[in-house]
């Protein structure tokens, strides 16, 4: 019964996505007819944005493929049953090391969630993304080392607390 509902939900989401795509395409076609110069500018900017985002998209596709290829159900079960400290440290570390636009991570996160990763660890991952490694030297330069370390510590603590709250909330629901 659950699989039928999941299939219906996927079909409904696909239909909704197709409708949205059709609407956006129609708006662009009307814009191309009414204001061709604006349409040309939009397409140029879209191409530039796509060129900037493409490396991140490729990285996410490769990571997703590696996870599907190497990450078995047994490995996910081993991760879920591993020491709690280890799981939280991995979530914090992955959040700190992750870069790029957040929306590009959604397919990968969805795949991990379908494989059984809990919402607490995902919340911790998202919260820990607030620490940007490339910006830490600039932050140290302008705000000082002690401020940067204390703020980063509070962010990591907040990520952990938020993740634990989400995990407890998920268990209750």
C-alpha atoms as a PDB file:
ATOM      1  CA  UNK A   1       0.000   0.000   0.000  1.00  0.00           C
ATOM      2  CA  UNK A   2       2.814   2.417   0.841  1.00  0.00           C
ATOM      3  CA  UNK A   3       4.513   1.771  -2.489  1.00  0.00           C
ATOM      4  CA  UNK A   4       1.337   2.626  -4.381  1.00  0.00           C
ATOM      5  CA  UNK A   5       1.038   5.898  -2.467  1.00  0.00           C
ATOM      6  CA  UNK A   6       4.697   6.669  -3.096  1.00  0.00           C
ATOM      7  CA  UNK A   7       4.183   5.980  -6.813  1.00  0.00           C
ATOM      8  CA  UNK A   8       1.118   8.209  -6.917  1.00  0.00           C
ATOM      9  CA  UNK A   9       3.028  10.961  -5.146  1.00  0.00           C
ATOM     10  CA  UNK A  10       5.901  10.688  -7.620  1.00  0.00           C
ATOM     11  CA  UNK A  11       3.475  10.791 -10.569  1.00  0.00           C
ATOM     12  CA  UNK A  12       1.740  13.842  -9.085  1.00  0.00           C
ATOM     13  CA  UNK A  13       5.095  15.563  -8.517  1.00  0.00           C
ATOM     14  CA  UNK A  14       6.145  14.788 -12.094  1.00  0.00           C
ATOM     15  CA  UNK A  15       2.890  16.222 -13.436  1.00  0.00           C
ATOM     16  CA  UNK A  16       3.297  19.314 -11.268  1.00  0.00           C
ATOM     17  CA  UNK A  17       6.882  19.725 -12.501  1.00  0.00           C
ATOM     18  CA  UNK A  18       5.754  19.404 -16.132  1.00  0.00           C
ATOM     19  CA  UNK A  19       3.060  22.026 -15.601  1.00  0.00           C
ATOM     20  CA  UNK A  20       5.558  24.417 -14.051  1.00  0.00           C
ATOM     21  CA  UNK A  21       8.010  23.843 -16.917  1.00  0.00           C
ATOM     22  CA  UNK A  22       5.251  24.465 -19.461  1.00  0.00           C
ATOM     23  CA  UNK A  23       4.240  27.688 -17.686  1.00  0.00           C
ATOM     24  CA  UNK A  24       7.808  28.999 -17.580  1.00  0.00           C
ATOM     25  CA  UNK A  25       8.336  28.073 -21.231  1.00  0.00           C
ATOM     26  CA  UNK A  26       5.124  29.881 -22.190  1.00  0.00           C
ATOM     27  CA  UNK A  27       6.208  33.007 -20.294  1.00  0.00           C
ATOM     28  CA  UNK A  28       9.577  32.972 -22.068  1.00  0.00           C
ATOM     29  CA  UNK A  29       7.907  32.521 -25.474  1.00  0.00           C
ATOM     30  CA  UNK A  30       5.554  35.450 -24.818  1.00  0.00           C
ATOM     31  CA  UNK A  31       8.520  37.518 -23.677  1.00  0.00           C
ATOM     32  CA  UNK A  32      10.425  36.585 -26.856  1.00  0.00           C
ATOM     33  CA  UNK A  33       7.495  37.815 -28.953  1.00  0.00           C
ATOM     34  CA  UNK A  34       6.720  40.966 -26.972  1.00  0.00           C
ATOM     35  CA  UNK A  35      10.205  42.135 -25.919  1.00  0.00           C
ATOM     36  CA  UNK A  36      12.889  40.343 -27.945  1.00  0.00           C
ATOM     37  CA  UNK A  37      15.716  42.519 -26.578  1.00  0.00           C
ATOM     38  CA  UNK A  38      14.815  41.643 -22.985  1.00  0.00           C
ATOM     39  CA  UNK A  39      14.499  37.991 -23.937  1.00  0.00           C
ATOM     40  CA  UNK A  40      17.977  38.098 -25.476  1.00  0.00           C
ATOM     41  CA  UNK A  41      19.402  39.659 -22.307  1.00  0.00           C
ATOM     42  CA  UNK A  42      17.698  37.033 -20.148  1.00  0.00           C
ATOM     43  CA  UNK A  43      18.997  34.154 -22.262  1.00  0.00           C
ATOM     44  CA  UNK A  44      22.519  35.597 -22.158  1.00  0.00           C
ATOM     45  CA  UNK A  45      22.411  35.943 -18.365  1.00  0.00           C
ATOM     46  CA  UNK A  46      20.928  32.462 -18.032  1.00  0.00           C
ATOM     47  CA  UNK A  47      23.813  31.087 -20.090  1.00  0.00           C
ATOM     48  CA  UNK A  48      26.339  32.878 -17.886  1.00  0.00           C
ATOM     49  CA  UNK A  49      24.672  31.563 -14.738  1.00  0.00           C
ATOM     50  CA  UNK A  50      24.522  28.052 -16.147  1.00  0.00           C
ATOM     51  CA  UNK A  51      28.217  28.243 -16.981  1.00  0.00           C
ATOM     52  CA  UNK A  52      28.994  29.235 -13.370  1.00  0.00           C
ATOM     53  CA  UNK A  53      26.766  26.535 -11.865  1.00  0.00           C
ATOM     54  CA  UNK A  54      27.699  23.713 -14.243  1.00  0.00           C
ATOM     55  CA  UNK A  55      30.833  22.605 -12.313  1.00  0.00           C
ATOM     56  CA  UNK A  56      28.778  22.285  -9.130  1.00  0.00           C
ATOM     57  CA  UNK A  57      26.053  20.385 -10.983  1.00  0.00           C
ATOM     58  CA  UNK A  58      28.670  18.023 -12.389  1.00  0.00           C
ATOM     59  CA  UNK A  59      30.149  17.501  -8.919  1.00  0.00           C
ATOM     60  CA  UNK A  60      26.728  16.679  -7.454  1.00  0.00           C
ATOM     61  CA  UNK A  61      25.940  14.269 -10.302  1.00  0.00           C
ATOM     62  CA  UNK A  62      29.277  12.503  -9.795  1.00  0.00           C
ATOM     63  CA  UNK A  63      28.779  12.345  -6.011  1.00  0.00           C
ATOM     64  CA  UNK A  64      25.251  11.025  -6.509  1.00  0.00           C
ATOM     65  CA  UNK A  65      26.512   8.393  -8.940  1.00  0.00           C
ATOM     66  CA  UNK A  66      29.276   7.347  -6.537  1.00  0.00           C
ATOM     67  CA  UNK A  67      26.808   7.080  -3.686  1.00  0.00           C
ATOM     68  CA  UNK A  68      24.434   4.956  -5.764  1.00  0.00           C
ATOM     69  CA  UNK A  69      27.320   2.811  -6.978  1.00  0.00           C
ATOM     70  CA  UNK A  70      29.287   2.346  -3.759  1.00  0.00           C
ATOM     71  CA  UNK A  71      26.863   3.038  -0.931  1.00  0.00           C
ATOM     72  CA  UNK A  72      24.957  -0.134  -0.267  1.00  0.00           C
ATOM     73  CA  UNK A  73      22.063  -0.596   2.110  1.00  0.00           C
ATOM     74  CA  UNK A  74      24.435  -2.453   4.423  1.00  0.00           C
ATOM     75  CA  UNK A  75      26.826   0.477   4.517  1.00  0.00           C
ATOM     76  CA  UNK A  76      24.004   2.884   5.364  1.00  0.00           C
ATOM     77  CA  UNK A  77      22.834   0.504   8.087  1.00  0.00           C
ATOM     78  CA  UNK A  78      26.383   0.380   9.464  1.00  0.00           C
ATOM     79  CA  UNK A  79      26.536   4.189   9.451  1.00  0.00           C
ATOM     80  CA  UNK A  80      23.158   4.474  11.180  1.00  0.00           C
ATOM     81  CA  UNK A  81      24.198   1.992  13.853  1.00  0.00           C
ATOM     82  CA  UNK A  82      27.734   3.357  14.272  1.00  0.00           C
ATOM     83  CA  UNK A  83      28.655   5.351  17.322  1.00  0.00           C
ATOM     84  CA  UNK A  84      26.511   8.421  17.635  1.00  0.00           C
ATOM     85  CA  UNK A  85      29.532  10.704  18.004  1.00  0.00           C
ATOM     86  CA  UNK A  86      30.985   9.477  14.729  1.00  0.00           C
ATOM     87  CA  UNK A  87      27.764  10.178  12.798  1.00  0.00           C
ATOM     88  CA  UNK A  88      27.461  13.708  14.169  1.00  0.00           C
ATOM     89  CA  UNK A  89      31.107  14.514  13.467  1.00  0.00           C
ATOM     90  CA  UNK A  90      30.705  13.303   9.867  1.00  0.00           C
ATOM     91  CA  UNK A  91      27.596  15.487   9.438  1.00  0.00           C
ATOM     92  CA  UNK A  92      29.394  18.528  10.884  1.00  0.00           C
ATOM     93  CA  UNK A  93      32.507  17.936   8.780  1.00  0.00           C
ATOM     94  CA  UNK A  94      30.538  17.372   5.592  1.00  0.00           C
ATOM     95  CA  UNK A  95      28.593  20.580   6.219  1.00  0.00           C
ATOM     96  CA  UNK A  96      31.767  22.589   6.725  1.00  0.00           C
ATOM     97  CA  UNK A  97      33.452  21.134   3.643  1.00  0.00           C
ATOM     98  CA  UNK A  98      30.447  21.444   1.324  1.00  0.00           C
ATOM     99  CA  UNK A  99      30.470  24.378  -1.069  1.00  0.00           C
ATOM    100  CA  UNK A 100      28.302  25.753  -3.812  1.00  0.00           C
ATOM    101  CA  UNK A 101      24.673  26.740  -3.942  1.00  0.00           C
ATOM    102  CA  UNK A 102      22.496  24.892  -1.473  1.00  0.00           C
ATOM    103  CA  UNK A 103      19.837  23.948  -4.015  1.00  0.00           C
ATOM    104  CA  UNK A 104      22.393  21.867  -5.911  1.00  0.00           C
ATOM    105  CA  UNK A 105      22.795  19.633  -2.868  1.00  0.00           C
ATOM    106  CA  UNK A 106      19.092  18.806  -2.652  1.00  0.00           C
ATOM    107  CA  UNK A 107      19.147  15.821  -5.080  1.00  0.00           C
ATOM    108  CA  UNK A 108      22.078  14.272  -3.227  1.00  0.00           C
ATOM    109  CA  UNK A 109      20.480  14.894   0.163  1.00  0.00           C
ATOM    110  CA  UNK A 110      17.182  13.446  -1.077  1.00  0.00           C
ATOM    111  CA  UNK A 111      19.007  10.328  -2.251  1.00  0.00           C
ATOM    112  CA  UNK A 112      20.727   9.919   1.123  1.00  0.00           C
ATOM    113  CA  UNK A 113      17.418  10.487   2.890  1.00  0.00           C
ATOM    114  CA  UNK A 114      15.774   7.763   0.805  1.00  0.00           C
ATOM    115  CA  UNK A 115      18.620   5.470   1.821  1.00  0.00           C
ATOM    116  CA  UNK A 116      17.746   6.094   5.458  1.00  0.00           C
ATOM    117  CA  UNK A 117      19.720   9.108   6.658  1.00  0.00           C
ATOM    118  CA  UNK A 118      17.736  10.804   9.425  1.00  0.00           C
ATOM    119  CA  UNK A 119      16.563  14.398   9.442  1.00  0.00           C
ATOM    120  CA  UNK A 120      18.668  15.283  12.471  1.00  0.00           C
ATOM    121  CA  UNK A 121      21.916  14.590  10.645  1.00  0.00           C
ATOM    122  CA  UNK A 122      20.645  16.435   7.581  1.00  0.00           C
ATOM    123  CA  UNK A 123      19.702  19.438   9.701  1.00  0.00           C
ATOM    124  CA  UNK A 124      23.144  19.372  11.299  1.00  0.00           C
ATOM    125  CA  UNK A 125      24.744  19.233   7.826  1.00  0.00           C
ATOM    126  CA  UNK A 126      22.725  22.227   6.578  1.00  0.00           C
ATOM    127  CA  UNK A 127      23.415  24.296   9.710  1.00  0.00           C
ATOM    128  CA  UNK A 128      27.165  23.571   9.577  1.00  0.00           C
ATOM    129  CA  UNK A 129      27.262  24.941   6.023  1.00  0.00           C
ATOM    130  CA  UNK A 130      27.214  28.394   7.641  1.00  0.00           C
ATOM    131  CA  UNK A 131      30.964  28.017   8.176  1.00  0.00           C
ATOM    132  CA  UNK A 132      32.634  28.915   4.889  1.00  0.00           C
ATOM    133  CA  UNK A 133      36.231  27.750   4.758  1.00  0.00           C
ATOM    134  CA  UNK A 134      37.301  30.134   1.980  1.00  0.00           C
ATOM    135  CA  UNK A 135      36.049  33.088   4.035  1.00  0.00           C
ATOM    136  CA  UNK A 136      37.697  32.134   7.336  1.00  0.00           C
ATOM    137  CA  UNK A 137      41.018  33.899   6.566  1.00  0.00           C
ATOM    138  CA  UNK A 138      39.139  37.098   5.697  1.00  0.00           C
ATOM    139  CA  UNK A 139      37.103  36.779   8.866  1.00  0.00           C
ATOM    140  CA  UNK A 140      40.264  36.298  10.939  1.00  0.00           C
ATOM    141  CA  UNK A 141      41.853  39.326   9.270  1.00  0.00           C
ATOM    142  CA  UNK A 142      38.923  41.648   9.982  1.00  0.00           C
ATOM    143  CA  UNK A 143      37.469  40.237  13.200  1.00  0.00           C
ATOM    144  CA  UNK A 144      40.372  38.441  14.858  1.00  0.00           C
ATOM    145  CA  UNK A 145      41.210  34.820  15.528  1.00  0.00           C
ATOM    146  CA  UNK A 146      39.460  34.535  18.888  1.00  0.00           C
ATOM    147  CA  UNK A 147      36.184  35.948  17.540  1.00  0.00           C
ATOM    148  CA  UNK A 148      36.333  33.628  14.511  1.00  0.00           C
ATOM    149  CA  UNK A 149      37.021  30.551  16.650  1.00  0.00           C
ATOM    150  CA  UNK A 150      34.301  31.388  19.174  1.00  0.00           C
ATOM    151  CA  UNK A 151      31.725  32.138  16.473  1.00  0.00           C
ATOM    152  CA  UNK A 152      32.613  28.961  14.563  1.00  0.00           C
ATOM    153  CA  UNK A 153      32.326  26.982  17.788  1.00  0.00           C
ATOM    154  CA  UNK A 154      28.884  28.434  18.459  1.00  0.00           C
ATOM    155  CA  UNK A 155      27.799  27.654  14.904  1.00  0.00           C
ATOM    156  CA  UNK A 156      28.941  24.037  15.283  1.00  0.00           C
ATOM    157  CA  UNK A 157      27.260  23.777  18.666  1.00  0.00           C
ATOM    158  CA  UNK A 158      24.081  25.253  17.192  1.00  0.00           C
ATOM    159  CA  UNK A 159      24.254  22.772  14.315  1.00  0.00           C
ATOM    160  CA  UNK A 160      24.571  19.901  16.741  1.00  0.00           C
ATOM    161  CA  UNK A 161      21.719  21.119  18.965  1.00  0.00           C
ATOM    162  CA  UNK A 162      19.476  21.746  15.954  1.00  0.00           C
ATOM    163  CA  UNK A 163      20.254  18.280  14.630  1.00  0.00           C
ATOM    164  CA  UNK A 164      19.510  16.645  17.977  1.00  0.00           C
ATOM    165  CA  UNK A 165      16.204  18.532  18.213  1.00  0.00           C
ATOM    166  CA  UNK A 166      15.251  17.414  14.704  1.00  0.00           C
ATOM    167  CA  UNK A 167      16.227  13.810  15.475  1.00  0.00           C
ATOM    168  CA  UNK A 168      14.113  13.789  18.631  1.00  0.00           C
ATOM    169  CA  UNK A 169      11.219  15.439  16.783  1.00  0.00           C
ATOM    170  CA  UNK A 170      11.466  12.852  13.999  1.00  0.00           C
ATOM    171  CA  UNK A 171      11.353   9.992  16.535  1.00  0.00           C
ATOM    172  CA  UNK A 172       8.253  11.463  18.178  1.00  0.00           C
ATOM    173  CA  UNK A 173       6.433  11.942  14.867  1.00  0.00           C
END
